[in-house]
Amino acid sequence: MTYDEATKTPGVGFCFDAPTPLPLMGLRSCHPLMIGSLAALVFIEMKICETQRLGQSKLSCSELLFHERDRFGVFAYSNVQVRFAAPVEALVEAGMIQAWEIERGQSHSTVALKPEFAAYALCADLVNRFIDIQTVAFETYWVPHIRSEDIHSMFIMDWSDPANPKALGVLSGIPGGPRFRIAGKLGFPPKDIGRIRDVIEKLPLALWEEILNTALRDAEVGRFRSAVMHACLGVESYVREVLTLNSTHVADKAFAIRTLKPLAEKKGCLPSLLGYSLDSAAAPSPLREHYQRIATLRDSVMHTGNLTYVWPRNSPTSVDVGVPEAVADHLDMALSLIREIADELQKKGYQDGQRGMVAAKVPRVYQNDQPEQPQPQDGLTFAELQLGT
């Protein structure tokens, strides 16, 4: 079925703009998907900005103009339609549309419709799926994932007569043309200029720092499995880093070589420096438990892809890491484990490789579909999480 043929398919759903151009997906494309129990068609059309999002230079509309590396919709963006083969009532029951009565008459009632938070989360997840498809298919790693807040001007649409589509309810989302609005007064100062300069002086990031930053970014956009995998890999990379930094203090060179193999997850990590392995009874209790849990989680997610693991070991209890709060806790645990290892290395006079990556707890509870605002934290810390779909 061609794109034009697909546009003749009736349905209801959502129409919105996403600030991520996907040029390698084509100018226009249509993809059938099952979203839960509902069949849907997802239409993606690349649109050219009439004015650049950075500056006011007019772009010629006589030809297709976009920049291959346009990451944030400066020159182009995606218009997306999600068309369900279902009545509006089905979307209301699914929690994607809120309906409330604003006027009741003898023969009819007027009902207003508004997209729920779940609709924004669903649509952001769909866009991220196609970003992943373009990334995997064409090895393009320059398009960032989006969050629900990046979707503006969402309409609830009725395509029961595909030739004459109409919007239902009210315009929702953030009004205005710009897709990345600066929410601050003109001339507002940096949040922490000292911290910015501190990080600049430490660039480029160490590998383990880069991996853990990737974990934090993945968690923020709801890619929980990727976030957990990167957290586990970050710990392994850190162990490798400190072994390399302190190689002159490692008496058993053969052991060091074995430990420094890719994915250094051996239980005997670091005894040549600390005098004990990370999971031995001689290790401090918090360090030992955090290492054992991260190692167990790593084996589960790396080998099976499951975001669950048994804890305590050899018990019938299973820990589920598939919700935002659990992902956040385990990322904090990975950062805490690195801090604990660093503290032990410092006590013994070894280099700890620490440069400011810290663990920090922040609010992660949503009320009335609005995230609590995290309190300012020092260091490269965890931001508020988005609810996954």
Protein backbone atom coordinates (compact mmCIF):
# COMPACT_ATOMS: atom_id res chain seq x y z
CA MET A 1 0.00 0.00 0.00
CA THR A 2 1.46 3.35 -1.04
CA TYR A 3 1.47 6.47 1.13
CA ASP A 4 -1.32 8.07 -0.90
CA GLU A 5 -3.42 4.91 -0.71
CA ALA A 6 -2.88 4.72 3.05
CA THR A 7 -4.15 8.28 3.54
CA LYS A 8 -7.59 7.06 2.41
CA THR A 9 -7.85 4.80 5.47
CA PRO A 10 -10.44 6.04 8.00
CA GLY A 11 -9.70 6.30 11.71
CA VAL A 12 -9.14 8.59 14.67
CA GLY A 13 -5.99 9.56 16.49
CA PHE A 14 -3.37 12.26 16.88
CA CYS A 15 -1.49 14.70 14.67
CA PHE A 16 1.58 16.49 16.03
CA ASP A 17 5.02 17.85 15.19
CA ALA A 18 8.24 16.31 16.50
CA PRO A 19 11.47 18.35 16.51
CA THR A 20 13.51 15.56 14.90
CA PRO A 21 13.83 15.32 11.10
CA LEU A 22 14.22 11.78 9.74
CA PRO A 23 15.42 12.39 6.17
CA LEU A 24 16.66 8.83 5.61
CA MET A 25 13.12 7.55 6.25
CA GLY A 26 12.02 9.42 3.13
CA LEU A 27 10.03 12.58 2.55
CA ARG A 28 6.80 10.71 3.34
CA SER A 29 6.32 7.21 4.72
CA CYS A 30 3.52 5.15 6.27
CA HIS A 31 3.95 2.22 8.64
CA PRO A 32 1.28 -0.15 10.05
CA LEU A 33 1.74 -0.97 13.74
CA MET A 34 -0.06 -2.74 16.56
CA ILE A 35 -0.16 -0.40 19.55
CA GLY A 36 -1.38 -2.53 22.40
CA SER A 37 -4.57 -4.14 21.12
CA LEU A 38 -5.26 -1.36 18.60
CA ALA A 39 -4.21 -1.45 14.95
CA ALA A 40 -2.76 1.83 13.75
CA LEU A 41 -1.13 3.55 10.81
CA VAL A 42 1.75 5.92 11.55
CA PHE A 43 2.39 8.59 8.89
CA ILE A 44 5.69 10.49 8.98
CA GLU A 45 6.31 13.46 6.71
CA MET A 46 9.40 15.64 6.83
CA LYS A 47 8.58 19.35 6.86
CA ILE A 48 10.90 22.21 6.05
CA CYS A 49 10.95 25.16 8.47
CA GLU A 50 9.87 28.43 6.87
CA THR A 51 12.43 30.15 9.09
CA GLN A 52 15.42 28.56 10.69
CA ARG A 53 14.95 27.84 14.37
CA LEU A 54 18.28 29.56 15.01
CA GLY A 55 17.96 33.02 13.50
CA GLN A 56 15.46 34.47 11.07
CA SER A 57 16.99 33.55 7.70
CA LYS A 58 14.30 32.63 5.20
CA LEU A 59 14.65 29.28 3.49
CA SER A 60 13.68 28.66 -0.09
CA CYS A 61 10.61 26.45 -0.36
CA SER A 62 11.18 25.77 -4.06
CA GLU A 63 13.30 22.75 -3.28
CA LEU A 64 13.82 20.33 -0.45
CA LEU A 65 16.34 21.91 1.90
CA PHE A 66 17.59 20.23 5.03
CA HIS A 67 20.89 19.59 6.73
CA GLU A 68 21.98 15.98 6.96
CA ARG A 69 23.10 16.53 10.54
CA ASP A 70 20.12 18.60 11.69
CA ARG A 71 19.59 17.24 15.20
CA PHE A 72 16.99 19.53 16.72
CA GLY A 73 14.64 20.65 13.99
CA VAL A 74 16.53 23.82 13.11
CA PHE A 75 15.99 23.33 9.37
CA ALA A 76 13.38 20.56 9.25
CA TYR A 77 11.07 18.59 11.51
CA SER A 78 8.66 15.67 11.36
CA ASN A 79 4.90 15.89 11.10
CA VAL A 80 3.42 12.69 12.52
CA GLN A 81 -0.07 11.22 12.31
CA VAL A 82 -1.10 8.26 14.44
CA ARG A 83 -4.33 6.92 12.98
CA PHE A 84 -6.15 4.18 14.97
CA ALA A 85 -8.70 1.84 13.45
CA ALA A 86 -10.98 2.46 16.41
CA PRO A 87 -13.65 4.91 17.62
CA VAL A 88 -12.84 7.84 19.88
CA GLU A 89 -14.43 5.98 22.77
CA ALA A 90 -11.70 3.33 22.57
CA LEU A 91 -9.00 5.97 23.04
CA VAL A 92 -10.93 7.43 25.99
CA GLU A 93 -11.16 3.97 27.57
CA ALA A 94 -7.44 3.43 26.94
CA GLY A 95 -6.66 6.59 28.91
CA MET A 96 -5.24 8.50 25.93
CA ILE A 97 -8.04 11.06 25.65
CA GLN A 98 -9.87 12.92 28.39
CA ALA A 99 -13.51 13.75 27.72
CA TRP A 100 -15.66 15.99 29.86
CA GLU A 101 -19.13 17.41 29.42
CA ILE A 102 -19.26 21.20 29.12
CA GLU A 103 -22.90 21.67 28.13
CA ARG A 104 -25.94 19.43 28.48
CA GLY A 105 -29.09 19.92 26.43
CA GLN A 106 -32.33 18.02 26.09
CA SER A 107 -31.37 16.44 22.80
CA HIS A 108 -27.58 16.64 22.89
CA SER A 109 -24.55 17.36 25.04
CA THR A 110 -21.36 19.19 24.17
CA VAL A 111 -18.21 17.27 25.10
CA ALA A 112 -14.66 18.61 25.09
CA LEU A 113 -11.72 16.33 24.32
CA LYS A 114 -8.10 16.72 25.36
CA PRO A 115 -5.07 14.45 24.97
CA GLU A 116 -3.98 12.84 28.23
CA PHE A 117 -0.38 12.57 29.40
CA ALA A 118 -0.43 8.94 28.21
CA ALA A 119 -1.03 10.17 24.64
CA TYR A 120 2.06 12.38 24.75
CA ALA A 121 4.13 9.54 26.22
CA LEU A 122 2.84 7.13 23.56
CA CYS A 123 3.58 9.54 20.71
CA ALA A 124 7.07 10.33 22.02
CA ASP A 125 7.75 6.61 22.26
CA LEU A 126 6.60 6.09 18.66
CA VAL A 127 8.91 8.85 17.41
CA ASN A 128 11.79 7.31 19.34
CA ARG A 129 11.06 3.95 17.74
CA PHE A 130 11.50 5.45 14.29
CA ILE A 131 14.64 7.26 15.40
CA ASP A 132 15.96 3.83 16.43
CA ILE A 133 14.87 2.35 13.08
CA GLN A 134 16.76 5.04 11.16
CA THR A 135 19.78 4.63 13.46
CA VAL A 136 19.97 0.84 13.05
CA ALA A 137 19.11 0.77 9.34
CA PHE A 138 21.47 3.52 8.23
CA GLU A 139 24.02 3.74 11.10
CA THR A 140 23.09 7.33 11.88
CA TYR A 141 23.72 8.25 15.47
CA TRP A 142 23.08 11.98 15.38
CA VAL A 143 19.32 12.20 16.03
CA PRO A 144 18.45 12.47 19.75
CA HIS A 145 15.47 10.85 21.38
CA ILE A 146 12.63 13.12 22.42
CA ARG A 147 10.50 13.40 25.52
CA SER A 148 6.82 14.12 25.92
CA GLU A 149 7.52 17.81 26.50
CA ASP A 150 9.09 18.06 23.02
CA ILE A 151 5.71 17.45 21.35
CA HIS A 152 3.88 20.68 20.60
CA SER A 153 0.53 21.49 18.99
CA MET A 154 -1.07 18.07 19.28
CA PHE A 155 -4.50 17.67 17.70
CA ILE A 156 -7.07 14.92 18.23
CA MET A 157 -8.09 14.11 14.65
CA ASP A 158 -11.08 12.48 13.02
CA TRP A 159 -10.33 10.80 9.68
CA SER A 160 -13.70 9.06 9.34
CA ASP A 161 -13.91 10.95 6.03
CA PRO A 162 -10.22 10.84 5.02
CA ALA A 163 -10.74 13.43 2.30
CA ASN A 164 -12.02 15.92 4.88
CA PRO A 165 -10.16 15.40 8.16
CA LYS A 166 -11.20 17.52 11.11
CA ALA A 167 -9.80 18.30 14.51
CA LEU A 168 -11.76 17.21 17.58
CA GLY A 169 -11.65 19.14 20.83
CA VAL A 170 -9.13 21.81 21.68
CA LEU A 171 -5.61 22.49 20.54
CA SER A 172 -3.28 21.06 23.14
CA GLY A 173 0.41 21.29 23.82
CA ILE A 174 2.69 24.30 24.06
CA PRO A 175 1.50 27.15 21.81
CA GLY A 176 3.77 29.01 19.45
CA GLY A 177 5.95 28.22 16.48
CA PRO A 178 9.44 27.55 17.95
CA ARG A 179 10.01 23.92 18.80
CA PHE A 180 12.61 24.49 21.49
CA ARG A 181 11.40 27.52 23.39
CA ILE A 182 13.80 29.11 25.87
CA ALA A 183 11.84 29.20 29.11
CA GLY A 184 13.65 32.00 30.87
CA LYS A 185 14.12 35.73 31.00
CA LEU A 186 16.50 37.41 28.61
CA GLY A 187 19.99 37.55 30.05
CA PHE A 188 19.43 34.87 32.69
CA PRO A 189 22.76 33.61 34.12
CA PRO A 190 24.18 30.07 33.89
CA LYS A 191 22.88 27.75 36.57
CA ASP A 192 26.37 27.06 37.95
CA ILE A 193 29.22 28.63 35.99
CA GLY A 194 31.79 27.06 38.32
CA ARG A 195 30.49 23.57 37.60
CA ILE A 196 30.45 24.26 33.86
CA ARG A 197 34.09 25.35 33.93
CA ASP A 198 35.02 22.37 36.08
CA VAL A 199 33.55 19.94 33.54
CA ILE A 200 35.14 21.79 30.60
CA GLU A 201 38.56 21.42 32.23
CA LYS A 202 38.03 17.66 32.54
CA LEU A 203 37.03 17.06 28.93
CA PRO A 204 37.19 14.69 27.17
CA LEU A 205 35.14 12.46 29.45
CA ALA A 206 36.64 9.19 30.60
CA LEU A 207 35.00 6.17 28.98
CA TRP A 208 33.16 5.14 32.15
CA GLU A 209 31.85 8.69 32.60
CA GLU A 210 30.59 8.77 29.03
CA ILE A 211 28.88 5.39 29.46
CA LEU A 212 27.14 6.48 32.66
CA ASN A 213 26.02 9.76 31.11
CA THR A 214 24.50 7.68 28.32
CA ALA A 215 22.69 5.63 30.97
CA LEU A 216 21.26 8.79 32.53
CA ARG A 217 20.10 10.15 29.17
CA ASP A 218 18.51 6.82 28.24
CA ALA A 219 16.60 6.75 31.50
CA GLU A 220 15.28 10.28 30.99
CA VAL A 221 13.60 9.33 27.70
CA GLY A 222 12.26 6.01 28.99
CA ARG A 223 14.80 3.62 27.41
CA PHE A 224 15.06 1.63 30.61
CA ARG A 225 16.78 -1.51 29.32
CA SER A 226 19.46 0.53 27.58
CA ALA A 227 19.88 2.66 30.72
CA VAL A 228 20.41 -0.38 32.93
CA MET A 229 22.83 -2.01 30.48
CA HIS A 230 24.90 1.16 30.29
CA ALA A 231 24.91 1.50 34.10
CA CYS A 232 26.34 -2.01 34.44
CA LEU A 233 28.88 -1.39 31.68
CA GLY A 234 29.87 1.88 33.33
CA VAL A 235 30.80 0.06 36.54
CA GLU A 236 32.88 -2.48 34.58
CA SER A 237 34.59 0.30 32.65
CA TYR A 238 35.40 2.11 35.90
CA VAL A 239 36.98 -1.04 37.37
CA ARG A 240 39.14 -1.32 34.28
CA GLU A 241 40.06 2.38 34.53
CA VAL A 242 41.32 2.21 38.12
CA LEU A 243 43.23 -1.01 37.48
CA THR A 244 45.00 0.72 34.60
CA LEU A 245 45.68 3.88 36.66
CA ASN A 246 47.24 1.80 39.43
CA SER A 247 48.98 -0.81 37.29
CA THR A 248 52.36 -0.18 38.94
CA HIS A 249 50.90 -1.35 42.26
CA VAL A 250 49.57 -4.65 40.88
CA ALA A 251 52.11 -7.35 41.71
CA ASP A 252 50.42 -10.14 39.78
CA LYS A 253 50.68 -8.90 36.19
CA ALA A 254 49.10 -12.06 34.79
CA PHE A 255 46.05 -11.51 36.99
CA ALA A 256 45.82 -7.88 35.86
CA ILE A 257 45.87 -8.97 32.21
CA ARG A 258 43.09 -11.48 32.83
CA THR A 259 41.01 -8.89 34.68
CA LEU A 260 41.47 -6.29 31.96
CA LYS A 261 39.86 -8.46 29.30
CA PRO A 262 36.74 -6.93 27.74
CA LEU A 263 33.78 -6.86 30.13
CA ALA A 264 35.85 -7.15 33.29
CA GLU A 265 33.14 -8.75 35.43
CA LYS A 266 35.27 -11.32 37.26
CA LYS A 267 34.49 -11.82 40.94
CA GLY A 268 38.17 -11.34 41.74
CA CYS A 269 38.27 -7.71 40.58
CA LEU A 270 40.65 -5.49 42.53
CA PRO A 271 42.00 -7.88 45.24
CA SER A 272 45.51 -6.98 44.12
CA LEU A 273 44.77 -3.38 45.18
CA LEU A 274 42.21 -3.69 47.97
CA GLY A 275 43.24 -7.03 49.44
CA TYR A 276 39.80 -8.55 48.88
CA SER A 277 37.41 -9.17 45.99
CA LEU A 278 34.32 -7.03 45.66
CA ASP A 279 31.90 -9.82 46.58
CA SER A 280 33.91 -11.34 49.44
CA ALA A 281 32.91 -11.20 53.11
CA ALA A 282 35.97 -9.02 53.71
CA ALA A 283 34.52 -6.18 51.62
CA PRO A 284 32.52 -3.44 53.38
CA SER A 285 28.88 -4.48 53.54
CA PRO A 286 27.37 -1.69 51.33
CA LEU A 287 30.07 -2.12 48.70
CA ARG A 288 29.64 -5.91 48.66
CA GLU A 289 25.85 -5.78 48.33
CA HIS A 290 25.90 -3.09 45.64
CA TYR A 291 28.49 -5.04 43.63
CA GLN A 292 26.56 -8.31 43.92
CA ARG A 293 23.28 -6.67 42.88
CA ILE A 294 24.83 -4.82 39.93
CA ALA A 295 26.63 -8.01 38.83
CA THR A 296 23.43 -10.06 39.09
CA LEU A 297 21.42 -7.41 37.22
CA ARG A 298 24.14 -7.23 34.57
CA ASP A 299 24.02 -10.98 33.94
CA SER A 300 20.23 -10.89 33.65
CA VAL A 301 19.91 -7.92 31.30
CA MET A 302 23.00 -8.76 29.21
CA HIS A 303 22.18 -12.43 28.74
CA THR A 304 18.39 -12.45 28.58
CA GLY A 305 17.31 -8.82 28.10
CA ASN A 306 15.06 -9.11 31.16
CA LEU A 307 14.78 -6.17 33.55
CA THR A 308 14.42 -8.52 36.52
CA TYR A 309 16.87 -10.35 38.75
CA VAL A 310 16.71 -12.51 41.87
CA TRP A 311 17.63 -10.81 45.12
CA PRO A 312 18.76 -11.85 47.66
CA ARG A 313 20.71 -14.49 45.77
CA ASN A 314 19.26 -18.02 45.87
CA SER A 315 15.93 -16.65 47.10
CA PRO A 316 12.49 -16.81 45.42
CA THR A 317 12.26 -13.00 45.38
CA SER A 318 12.49 -11.25 42.01
CA VAL A 319 13.33 -7.53 41.67
CA ASP A 320 11.62 -5.72 38.78
CA VAL A 321 13.63 -2.85 37.26
CA GLY A 322 11.05 -2.00 34.60
CA VAL A 323 9.59 1.14 36.20
CA PRO A 324 11.11 4.65 36.38
CA GLU A 325 11.70 4.65 40.12
CA ALA A 326 13.52 1.29 40.03
CA VAL A 327 15.69 2.36 37.08
CA ALA A 328 16.62 5.54 38.94
CA ASP A 329 17.47 3.60 42.09
CA HIS A 330 19.74 1.19 40.21
CA LEU A 331 21.52 3.99 38.35
CA ASP A 332 22.11 5.62 41.73
CA MET A 333 23.33 2.25 43.00
CA ALA A 334 25.85 1.98 40.16
CA LEU A 335 27.15 5.49 40.90
CA SER A 336 27.27 4.71 44.64
CA LEU A 337 29.25 1.53 43.97
CA ILE A 338 31.83 3.52 42.02
CA ARG A 339 32.02 6.05 44.86
CA GLU A 340 32.48 3.26 47.42
CA ILE A 341 35.27 1.65 45.40
CA ALA A 342 36.91 5.06 45.02
CA ASP A 343 36.73 5.65 48.79
CA GLU A 344 38.46 2.33 49.46
CA LEU A 345 41.18 3.13 46.92
CA GLN A 346 41.71 6.57 48.50
CA LYS A 347 42.16 5.01 51.95
CA LYS A 348 44.99 2.88 50.57
CA GLY A 349 46.64 5.76 48.76
CA TYR A 350 45.76 4.70 45.20
CA GLN A 351 44.38 6.77 42.32
CA ASP A 352 40.59 6.54 42.30
CA GLY A 353 39.82 8.07 38.88
CA GLN A 354 37.03 10.21 40.36
CA ARG A 355 36.35 13.56 38.68
CA GLY A 356 32.96 14.65 39.92
CA MET A 357 30.40 12.01 38.89
CA VAL A 358 28.13 11.71 41.91
CA ALA A 359 24.96 9.88 42.90
CA ALA A 360 21.99 11.97 43.96
CA LYS A 361 18.38 11.22 44.84
CA VAL A 362 15.77 13.47 43.22
CA PRO A 363 11.95 13.47 43.23
CA ARG A 364 10.48 11.05 40.70
CA VAL A 365 6.79 11.04 41.61
CA TYR A 366 4.22 12.34 39.16
CA GLN A 367 1.09 14.02 40.42
CA ASN A 368 -1.70 15.27 38.18
CA ASP A 369 0.39 14.32 35.15
CA GLN A 370 3.03 16.92 36.06
CA PRO A 371 6.55 16.00 37.15
CA GLU A 372 7.88 17.41 40.38
CA GLN A 373 10.79 19.72 39.73
CA PRO A 374 14.10 18.30 40.99
CA GLN A 375 16.08 20.38 43.44
CA PRO A 376 19.42 21.76 42.19
CA GLN A 377 22.17 19.20 42.64
CA ASP A 378 25.93 19.40 42.29
CA GLY A 379 27.70 17.09 39.89
CA LEU A 380 26.52 15.15 36.87
CA THR A 381 23.31 13.87 38.38
CA PHE A 382 20.03 12.26 37.49
CA ALA A 383 17.27 14.48 36.13
CA GLU A 384 13.51 13.86 36.35
CA LEU A 385 12.27 10.71 34.65
CA GLN A 386 9.54 10.35 32.07
CA LEU A 387 6.92 7.68 32.55
CA GLY A 388 7.39 4.92 29.97
CA THR A 389 4.61 3.38 27.94
